[in-house]
Amino acid sequence: MTVLITGANRGIGAALAQLYTDRGDTVLATARNAPGCLPLDVTDPAAQRALAARLAGTPIDTLICNAGIYLDKGHDLDSGYPPGIWAQSFAVNVTGVFLTVQALLDNLRAAPGARIAILGSQMASHSRAPGGSYIYRASKAAALNLGRNLATDLAPEGIAVGIYHPGWVQTDMGGAAAEITVDIAARGLAERIDALSVDTTGCFETWDGRAHAY
């Protein structure tokens, strides 16, 4: 199986790349600029086209859209959340997902039963709204909506789309006090992605297999 992972140079992306490599899959790891990774800035249409040209004719069984940023942690409602952070966050967390899927559609279509996994967050949930982190929450909610609509459009072609909350993970984003390690998160996510099919397309699930409230 061939797996392409965005943002695979650290954190959950790197753990997933190692897991799939260890089990014998072909891993195409991408990052903006990191040794051992294919170059890809998910916000740059030219970079997306260059990657697609480089991989022309290569079937991709699983595309994992992992690249993401969380820039507004701790911002104050009265004075934080500047427009530039809104634009940058949506460019990576939403538009970057769409551009990656769009660029690699031919590769996915060449692999029977292909899957797209979008690394989302419980912070995308409309029913779970404790306040704060407005930019990150809004961008992940948009990514969830994007994933569910992609699921509808791609199901007739046999391509399944799942959106996954990876848990509160011990990464630069999650912090040292987070609940689970990247290896635990990666193992759970891989199990969820392995189980994804057109019968379950559009699912929003946690890393450990629970359906998440929208």
C-alpha atoms as a PDB file:
ATOM      1  CA  MET A   1       0.000   0.000   0.000  1.00  0.00           C
ATOM      2  CA  THR A   2       1.205   3.519  -0.783  1.00  0.00           C
ATOM      3  CA  VAL A   3       0.490   6.189   1.829  1.00  0.00           C
ATOM      4  CA  LEU A   4       1.085   9.921   1.392  1.00  0.00           C
ATOM      5  CA  ILE A   5       1.219  12.007   4.562  1.00  0.00           C
ATOM      6  CA  THR A   6       1.391  15.800   4.705  1.00  0.00           C
ATOM      7  CA  GLY A   7       3.286  17.453   7.534  1.00  0.00           C
ATOM      8  CA  ALA A   8       5.204  14.238   8.150  1.00  0.00           C
ATOM      9  CA  ASN A   9       8.395  15.752   9.534  1.00  0.00           C
ATOM     10  CA  ARG A  10       7.277  15.841  13.190  1.00  0.00           C
ATOM     11  CA  GLY A  11       4.569  15.002  15.676  1.00  0.00           C
ATOM     12  CA  ILE A  12       1.684  12.785  14.621  1.00  0.00           C
ATOM     13  CA  GLY A  13       2.704  12.938  10.966  1.00  0.00           C
ATOM     14  CA  ALA A  14       6.162  11.576  11.711  1.00  0.00           C
ATOM     15  CA  ALA A  15       4.742   8.867  13.982  1.00  0.00           C
ATOM     16  CA  LEU A  16       2.307   7.784  11.267  1.00  0.00           C
ATOM     17  CA  ALA A  17       5.090   7.733   8.674  1.00  0.00           C
ATOM     18  CA  GLN A  18       7.183   5.483  10.928  1.00  0.00           C
ATOM     19  CA  LEU A  19       4.234   3.185  11.695  1.00  0.00           C
ATOM     20  CA  TYR A  20       3.383   2.636   8.030  1.00  0.00           C
ATOM     21  CA  THR A  21       7.051   2.173   7.137  1.00  0.00           C
ATOM     22  CA  ASP A  22       7.488  -0.410   9.908  1.00  0.00           C
ATOM     23  CA  ARG A  23       4.566  -2.446   8.653  1.00  0.00           C
ATOM     24  CA  GLY A  24       5.956  -2.519   5.119  1.00  0.00           C
ATOM     25  CA  ASP A  25       3.926   0.131   3.323  1.00  0.00           C
ATOM     26  CA  THR A  26       5.423   2.618   0.884  1.00  0.00           C
ATOM     27  CA  VAL A  27       5.368   6.014   2.578  1.00  0.00           C
ATOM     28  CA  LEU A  28       5.497   9.323   0.730  1.00  0.00           C
ATOM     29  CA  ALA A  29       6.236  11.799   3.501  1.00  0.00           C
ATOM     30  CA  THR A  30       5.866  15.486   2.703  1.00  0.00           C
ATOM     31  CA  ALA A  31       6.818  18.668   4.517  1.00  0.00           C
ATOM     32  CA  ARG A  32       7.608  22.241   3.613  1.00  0.00           C
ATOM     33  CA  ASN A  33      11.347  21.764   4.079  1.00  0.00           C
ATOM     34  CA  ALA A  34      12.682  18.738   5.919  1.00  0.00           C
ATOM     35  CA  PRO A  35      15.322  16.083   5.188  1.00  0.00           C
ATOM     36  CA  GLY A  36      13.864  12.862   3.845  1.00  0.00           C
ATOM     37  CA  CYS A  37      10.524  14.434   2.923  1.00  0.00           C
ATOM     38  CA  LEU A  38       9.103  15.395  -0.440  1.00  0.00           C
ATOM     39  CA  PRO A  39       8.798  19.199  -0.548  1.00  0.00           C
ATOM     40  CA  LEU A  40       5.227  20.455  -0.173  1.00  0.00           C
ATOM     41  CA  ASP A  41       3.840  23.692   1.166  1.00  0.00           C
ATOM     42  CA  VAL A  42       0.148  22.788   1.250  1.00  0.00           C
ATOM     43  CA  THR A  43      -0.844  26.454   0.859  1.00  0.00           C
ATOM     44  CA  ASP A  44       1.088  26.868  -2.415  1.00  0.00           C
ATOM     45  CA  PRO A  45      -0.744  25.814  -5.597  1.00  0.00           C
ATOM     46  CA  ALA A  46       2.553  25.708  -7.516  1.00  0.00           C
ATOM     47  CA  ALA A  47       4.034  23.325  -4.952  1.00  0.00           C
ATOM     48  CA  GLN A  48       0.926  21.165  -5.185  1.00  0.00           C
ATOM     49  CA  ARG A  49       1.227  21.028  -8.978  1.00  0.00           C
ATOM     50  CA  ALA A  50       4.915  20.148  -8.713  1.00  0.00           C
ATOM     51  CA  LEU A  51       4.168  17.272  -6.345  1.00  0.00           C
ATOM     52  CA  ALA A  52       1.391  15.999  -8.617  1.00  0.00           C
ATOM     53  CA  ALA A  53       3.750  16.101 -11.597  1.00  0.00           C
ATOM     54  CA  ARG A  54       6.429  14.248  -9.640  1.00  0.00           C
ATOM     55  CA  LEU A  55       3.952  11.536  -8.645  1.00  0.00           C
ATOM     56  CA  ALA A  56       2.173  11.274 -12.002  1.00  0.00           C
ATOM     57  CA  GLY A  57       1.113   7.677 -12.589  1.00  0.00           C
ATOM     58  CA  THR A  58       1.696   6.638  -8.955  1.00  0.00           C
ATOM     59  CA  PRO A  59      -1.437   5.175  -7.323  1.00  0.00           C
ATOM     60  CA  ILE A  60      -1.987   6.457  -3.781  1.00  0.00           C
ATOM     61  CA  ASP A  61      -4.029   4.118  -1.616  1.00  0.00           C
ATOM     62  CA  THR A  62      -4.213   6.397   1.421  1.00  0.00           C
ATOM     63  CA  LEU A  63      -3.843  10.164   1.617  1.00  0.00           C
ATOM     64  CA  ILE A  64      -3.470  11.511   5.156  1.00  0.00           C
ATOM     65  CA  CYS A  65      -3.982  15.276   5.385  1.00  0.00           C
ATOM     66  CA  ASN A  66      -2.137  15.893   8.632  1.00  0.00           C
ATOM     67  CA  ALA A  67      -0.466  19.292   8.122  1.00  0.00           C
ATOM     68  CA  GLY A  68      -2.014  21.880  10.406  1.00  0.00           C
ATOM     69  CA  ILE A  69      -1.276  24.895  12.587  1.00  0.00           C
ATOM     70  CA  TYR A  70      -2.695  26.295  15.843  1.00  0.00           C
ATOM     71  CA  LEU A  71      -1.619  29.932  16.080  1.00  0.00           C
ATOM     72  CA  ASP A  72      -4.224  31.486  18.377  1.00  0.00           C
ATOM     73  CA  LYS A  73      -3.696  29.490  21.582  1.00  0.00           C
ATOM     74  CA  GLY A  74      -4.058  31.824  24.562  1.00  0.00           C
ATOM     75  CA  HIS A  75      -5.239  34.837  22.582  1.00  0.00           C
ATOM     76  CA  ASP A  76      -7.443  37.372  24.322  1.00  0.00           C
ATOM     77  CA  LEU A  77     -10.888  38.158  22.899  1.00  0.00           C
ATOM     78  CA  ASP A  78     -10.466  41.893  23.436  1.00  0.00           C
ATOM     79  CA  SER A  79      -7.155  42.290  21.650  1.00  0.00           C
ATOM     80  CA  GLY A  80      -6.093  38.993  20.015  1.00  0.00           C
ATOM     81  CA  TYR A  81      -6.986  37.044  16.874  1.00  0.00           C
ATOM     82  CA  PRO A  82      -5.500  39.400  14.235  1.00  0.00           C
ATOM     83  CA  PRO A  83      -6.662  39.017  10.617  1.00  0.00           C
ATOM     84  CA  GLY A  84      -3.322  37.680   9.457  1.00  0.00           C
ATOM     85  CA  ILE A  85      -3.604  34.651  11.735  1.00  0.00           C
ATOM     86  CA  TRP A  86      -7.111  33.966  10.453  1.00  0.00           C
ATOM     87  CA  ALA A  87      -5.832  33.966   6.876  1.00  0.00           C
ATOM     88  CA  GLN A  88      -2.776  31.834   7.614  1.00  0.00           C
ATOM     89  CA  SER A  89      -4.717  29.272   9.647  1.00  0.00           C
ATOM     90  CA  PHE A  90      -7.435  28.792   7.039  1.00  0.00           C
ATOM     91  CA  ALA A  91      -4.797  28.614   4.279  1.00  0.00           C
ATOM     92  CA  VAL A  92      -3.146  25.627   5.982  1.00  0.00           C
ATOM     93  CA  ASN A  93      -5.979  23.896   7.830  1.00  0.00           C
ATOM     94  CA  VAL A  94      -8.709  24.205   5.190  1.00  0.00           C
ATOM     95  CA  THR A  95      -7.487  25.364   1.783  1.00  0.00           C
ATOM     96  CA  GLY A  96      -4.351  23.251   2.161  1.00  0.00           C
ATOM     97  CA  VAL A  97      -6.460  20.130   2.624  1.00  0.00           C
ATOM     98  CA  PHE A  98      -8.562  20.902  -0.434  1.00  0.00           C
ATOM     99  CA  LEU A  99      -5.570  21.722  -2.638  1.00  0.00           C
ATOM    100  CA  THR A 100      -3.837  18.486  -1.636  1.00  0.00           C
ATOM    101  CA  VAL A 101      -6.876  16.359  -2.405  1.00  0.00           C
ATOM    102  CA  GLN A 102      -7.451  18.193  -5.677  1.00  0.00           C
ATOM    103  CA  ALA A 103      -3.815  17.835  -6.781  1.00  0.00           C
ATOM    104  CA  LEU A 104      -3.724  14.090  -6.070  1.00  0.00           C
ATOM    105  CA  LEU A 105      -7.141  13.057  -7.354  1.00  0.00           C
ATOM    106  CA  ASP A 106      -5.717  11.173 -10.318  1.00  0.00           C
ATOM    107  CA  ASN A 107      -3.391   9.240  -7.993  1.00  0.00           C
ATOM    108  CA  LEU A 108      -6.282   8.336  -5.701  1.00  0.00           C
ATOM    109  CA  ARG A 109      -8.473   7.323  -8.626  1.00  0.00           C
ATOM    110  CA  ALA A 110      -5.712   4.968  -9.787  1.00  0.00           C
ATOM    111  CA  ALA A 111      -5.890   3.013  -6.497  1.00  0.00           C
ATOM    112  CA  PRO A 112      -9.021   0.872  -6.037  1.00  0.00           C
ATOM    113  CA  GLY A 113     -10.639   1.554  -2.680  1.00  0.00           C
ATOM    114  CA  ALA A 114      -8.532   4.655  -1.991  1.00  0.00           C
ATOM    115  CA  ARG A 115      -8.982   6.506   1.292  1.00  0.00           C
ATOM    116  CA  ILE A 116      -8.549  10.115   2.391  1.00  0.00           C
ATOM    117  CA  ALA A 117      -8.027  10.780   6.094  1.00  0.00           C
ATOM    118  CA  ILE A 118      -8.310  14.362   7.343  1.00  0.00           C
ATOM    119  CA  LEU A 119      -6.768  14.981  10.739  1.00  0.00           C
ATOM    120  CA  GLY A 120      -9.375  17.136  12.421  1.00  0.00           C
ATOM    121  CA  SER A 121     -10.064  17.944  16.054  1.00  0.00           C
ATOM    122  CA  GLN A 122     -12.805  17.718  18.640  1.00  0.00           C
ATOM    123  CA  MET A 123     -12.535  21.515  18.543  1.00  0.00           C
ATOM    124  CA  ALA A 124     -14.411  21.323  15.232  1.00  0.00           C
ATOM    125  CA  SER A 125     -17.540  20.164  17.038  1.00  0.00           C
ATOM    126  CA  HIS A 126     -20.497  22.557  17.033  1.00  0.00           C
ATOM    127  CA  SER A 127     -21.960  20.844  20.081  1.00  0.00           C
ATOM    128  CA  ARG A 128     -18.756  21.232  22.094  1.00  0.00           C
ATOM    129  CA  ALA A 129     -18.155  24.959  22.466  1.00  0.00           C
ATOM    130  CA  PRO A 130     -16.233  25.915  25.616  1.00  0.00           C
ATOM    131  CA  GLY A 131     -15.022  29.189  24.078  1.00  0.00           C
ATOM    132  CA  GLY A 132     -11.637  30.533  23.055  1.00  0.00           C
ATOM    133  CA  SER A 133      -9.294  29.467  20.246  1.00  0.00           C
ATOM    134  CA  TYR A 134     -11.744  30.958  17.759  1.00  0.00           C
ATOM    135  CA  ILE A 135      -9.486  30.713  14.744  1.00  0.00           C
ATOM    136  CA  TYR A 136      -8.388  27.140  15.263  1.00  0.00           C
ATOM    137  CA  ARG A 137     -11.911  26.001  16.117  1.00  0.00           C
ATOM    138  CA  ALA A 138     -13.370  27.724  13.058  1.00  0.00           C
ATOM    139  CA  SER A 139     -10.714  26.324  10.730  1.00  0.00           C
ATOM    140  CA  LYS A 140     -11.187  22.775  12.011  1.00  0.00           C
ATOM    141  CA  ALA A 141     -14.972  23.118  11.731  1.00  0.00           C
ATOM    142  CA  ALA A 142     -14.480  24.181   8.121  1.00  0.00           C
ATOM    143  CA  ALA A 143     -12.163  21.220   7.505  1.00  0.00           C
ATOM    144  CA  LEU A 144     -14.807  18.887   8.946  1.00  0.00           C
ATOM    145  CA  ASN A 145     -17.424  20.350   6.618  1.00  0.00           C
ATOM    146  CA  LEU A 146     -15.007  20.068   3.698  1.00  0.00           C
ATOM    147  CA  GLY A 147     -14.329  16.428   4.466  1.00  0.00           C
ATOM    148  CA  ARG A 148     -17.979  15.478   4.698  1.00  0.00           C
ATOM    149  CA  ASN A 149     -18.764  17.138   1.382  1.00  0.00           C
ATOM    150  CA  LEU A 150     -15.761  15.514  -0.293  1.00  0.00           C
ATOM    151  CA  ALA A 151     -17.102  12.205   1.031  1.00  0.00           C
ATOM    152  CA  THR A 152     -20.386  12.786  -0.780  1.00  0.00           C
ATOM    153  CA  ASP A 153     -18.765  13.735  -4.071  1.00  0.00           C
ATOM    154  CA  LEU A 154     -16.110  10.994  -4.097  1.00  0.00           C
ATOM    155  CA  ALA A 155     -18.208   8.065  -2.880  1.00  0.00           C
ATOM    156  CA  PRO A 156     -19.483   7.233  -6.408  1.00  0.00           C
ATOM    157  CA  GLU A 157     -15.823   6.822  -7.436  1.00  0.00           C
ATOM    158  CA  GLY A 158     -15.130   4.432  -4.577  1.00  0.00           C
ATOM    159  CA  ILE A 159     -12.956   6.897  -2.649  1.00  0.00           C
ATOM    160  CA  ALA A 160     -13.759   7.113   1.069  1.00  0.00           C
ATOM    161  CA  VAL A 161     -13.135  10.134   3.296  1.00  0.00           C
ATOM    162  CA  GLY A 162     -12.841  10.109   7.079  1.00  0.00           C
ATOM    163  CA  ILE A 163     -12.270  12.940   9.549  1.00  0.00           C
ATOM    164  CA  TYR A 164     -10.467  12.041  12.773  1.00  0.00           C
ATOM    165  CA  HIS A 165      -9.819  13.609  16.167  1.00  0.00           C
ATOM    166  CA  PRO A 166      -6.333  12.350  17.081  1.00  0.00           C
ATOM    167  CA  GLY A 167      -6.785  12.894  20.800  1.00  0.00           C
ATOM    168  CA  TRP A 168      -4.936  15.298  23.064  1.00  0.00           C
ATOM    169  CA  VAL A 169      -1.442  14.316  22.012  1.00  0.00           C
ATOM    170  CA  GLN A 170       2.002  15.044  23.445  1.00  0.00           C
ATOM    171  CA  THR A 171       3.304  17.174  20.567  1.00  0.00           C
ATOM    172  CA  ASP A 172       4.503  20.756  20.204  1.00  0.00           C
ATOM    173  CA  MET A 173       0.861  21.664  19.633  1.00  0.00           C
ATOM    174  CA  GLY A 174      -0.641  19.519  22.385  1.00  0.00           C
ATOM    175  CA  GLY A 175       2.034  20.145  24.997  1.00  0.00           C
ATOM    176  CA  ALA A 176       3.818  17.869  27.438  1.00  0.00           C
ATOM    177  CA  ALA A 177       0.758  17.544  29.703  1.00  0.00           C
ATOM    178  CA  ALA A 178      -1.378  15.971  26.961  1.00  0.00           C
ATOM    179  CA  GLU A 179      -3.106  12.644  27.570  1.00  0.00           C
ATOM    180  CA  ILE A 180      -1.499  10.311  25.008  1.00  0.00           C
ATOM    181  CA  THR A 181       1.769   9.866  23.147  1.00  0.00           C
ATOM    182  CA  VAL A 182       2.164  10.290  19.418  1.00  0.00           C
ATOM    183  CA  ASP A 183       2.710   6.540  19.051  1.00  0.00           C
ATOM    184  CA  ILE A 184      -0.599   5.715  20.750  1.00  0.00           C
ATOM    185  CA  ALA A 185      -2.377   8.292  18.617  1.00  0.00           C
ATOM    186  CA  ALA A 186      -0.764   6.979  15.428  1.00  0.00           C
ATOM    187  CA  ARG A 187      -1.707   3.363  16.157  1.00  0.00           C
ATOM    188  CA  GLY A 188      -5.317   4.323  16.843  1.00  0.00           C
ATOM    189  CA  LEU A 189      -5.551   6.514  13.762  1.00  0.00           C
ATOM    190  CA  ALA A 190      -4.084   3.803  11.529  1.00  0.00           C
ATOM    191  CA  GLU A 191      -6.719   1.366  12.798  1.00  0.00           C
ATOM    192  CA  ARG A 192      -9.476   3.867  12.038  1.00  0.00           C
ATOM    193  CA  ILE A 193      -8.108   4.546   8.554  1.00  0.00           C
ATOM    194  CA  ASP A 194      -7.719   0.825   7.790  1.00  0.00           C
ATOM    195  CA  ALA A 195     -11.416   0.375   8.637  1.00  0.00           C
ATOM    196  CA  LEU A 196     -12.565   3.300   6.464  1.00  0.00           C
ATOM    197  CA  SER A 197     -14.664   2.394   3.418  1.00  0.00           C
ATOM    198  CA  VAL A 198     -17.385   3.916   1.285  1.00  0.00           C
ATOM    199  CA  ASP A 199     -19.839   2.388   3.763  1.00  0.00           C
ATOM    200  CA  THR A 200     -18.459   4.619   6.522  1.00  0.00           C
ATOM    201  CA  THR A 201     -17.350   7.586   4.417  1.00  0.00           C
ATOM    202  CA  GLY A 202     -17.947  10.992   5.957  1.00  0.00           C
ATOM    203  CA  CYS A 203     -17.378   9.668   9.474  1.00  0.00           C
ATOM    204  CA  PHE A 204     -16.092  11.937  12.246  1.00  0.00           C
ATOM    205  CA  GLU A 205     -14.360   9.677  14.756  1.00  0.00           C
ATOM    206  CA  THR A 206     -11.891   9.779  17.622  1.00  0.00           C
ATOM    207  CA  TRP A 207      -8.519   8.045  17.462  1.00  0.00           C
ATOM    208  CA  ASP A 208      -9.887   5.216  19.606  1.00  0.00           C
ATOM    209  CA  GLY A 209     -12.940   4.479  17.480  1.00  0.00           C
ATOM    210  CA  ARG A 210     -15.733   6.510  19.037  1.00  0.00           C
ATOM    211  CA  ALA A 211     -18.136   8.469  16.837  1.00  0.00           C
ATOM    212  CA  HIS A 212     -17.658  12.159  17.581  1.00  0.00           C
ATOM    213  CA  ALA A 213     -20.546  14.595  17.945  1.00  0.00           C
ATOM    214  CA  TYR A 214     -20.708  17.167  15.167  1.00  0.00           C
END
